[in-house]
Amino acid sequence: MQGRHNTLQTYLWAQYKQVGLSPTLYALMTLLILVTLLVMLLLVLKARGGTSSAAAESR
């Protein structure tokens, strides 16, 4: 299932299997989670704004 390039997730998993979890890996995982949450928040805000502006235009 993996191509010739590693994704961040496969890189983290490979590093974990080789040396265990280092502080650098904890930092990378934290950043990945924060970026994911930020993107999700932006998408939710965009979806809410899009529905309310569409309702306001139809009035």
Protein backbone atom coordinates (compact mmCIF):
# COMPACT_ATOMS: atom_id res chain seq x y z
CA MET A 1 0.00 0.00 0.00
CA GLN A 2 2.97 2.30 0.34
CA GLY A 3 4.55 3.97 -2.65
CA ARG A 4 8.21 4.71 -3.05
CA HIS A 5 8.01 7.80 -0.79
CA ASN A 6 7.34 7.72 2.94
CA THR A 7 4.52 9.78 4.37
CA LEU A 8 4.93 11.46 7.73
CA GLN A 9 2.89 8.72 9.39
CA THR A 10 4.98 5.89 7.92
CA TYR A 11 8.17 7.77 8.83
CA LEU A 12 7.02 8.15 12.43
CA TRP A 13 6.04 4.48 12.63
CA ALA A 14 9.41 3.37 11.21
CA GLN A 15 11.29 5.56 13.69
CA TYR A 16 9.18 4.23 16.55
CA LYS A 17 9.93 0.64 15.56
CA GLN A 18 13.69 1.35 15.35
CA VAL A 19 14.45 3.50 18.39
CA GLY A 20 11.27 3.98 20.37
CA LEU A 21 9.64 7.34 20.91
CA SER A 22 12.05 10.25 21.17
CA PRO A 23 11.14 13.82 22.12
CA THR A 24 11.45 14.78 18.44
CA LEU A 25 8.81 12.23 17.48
CA TYR A 26 6.51 13.48 20.22
CA ALA A 27 6.93 17.00 18.83
CA LEU A 28 6.19 15.87 15.27
CA MET A 29 3.09 13.97 16.37
CA THR A 30 1.88 16.97 18.35
CA LEU A 31 2.32 19.26 15.36
CA LEU A 32 0.50 16.78 13.12
CA ILE A 33 -2.44 16.64 15.52
CA LEU A 34 -2.57 20.44 15.88
CA VAL A 35 -2.48 21.01 12.12
CA THR A 36 -5.23 18.42 11.63
CA LEU A 37 -7.41 20.06 14.28
CA LEU A 38 -6.82 23.50 12.77
CA VAL A 39 -7.82 22.32 9.29
CA MET A 40 -10.94 20.68 10.71
CA LEU A 41 -11.87 23.87 12.59
CA LEU A 42 -11.40 25.98 9.46
CA LEU A 43 -13.58 23.61 7.44
CA VAL A 44 -16.33 23.72 10.06
CA LEU A 45 -16.22 27.51 10.20
CA LYS A 46 -16.30 27.71 6.41
CA ALA A 47 -19.27 25.33 6.25
CA ARG A 48 -21.19 27.33 8.85
CA GLY A 49 -20.43 30.60 7.11
CA GLY A 50 -21.44 29.20 3.74
CA THR A 51 -24.83 27.98 4.91
CA SER A 52 -25.72 31.16 6.77
CA SER A 53 -24.67 33.43 3.88
CA ALA A 54 -26.65 31.31 1.43
CA ALA A 55 -29.71 31.62 3.66
CA ALA A 56 -29.24 35.38 3.94
CA GLU A 57 -28.98 35.74 0.14
CA SER A 58 -32.22 33.85 -0.45
CA ARG A 59 -34.20 36.25 1.76
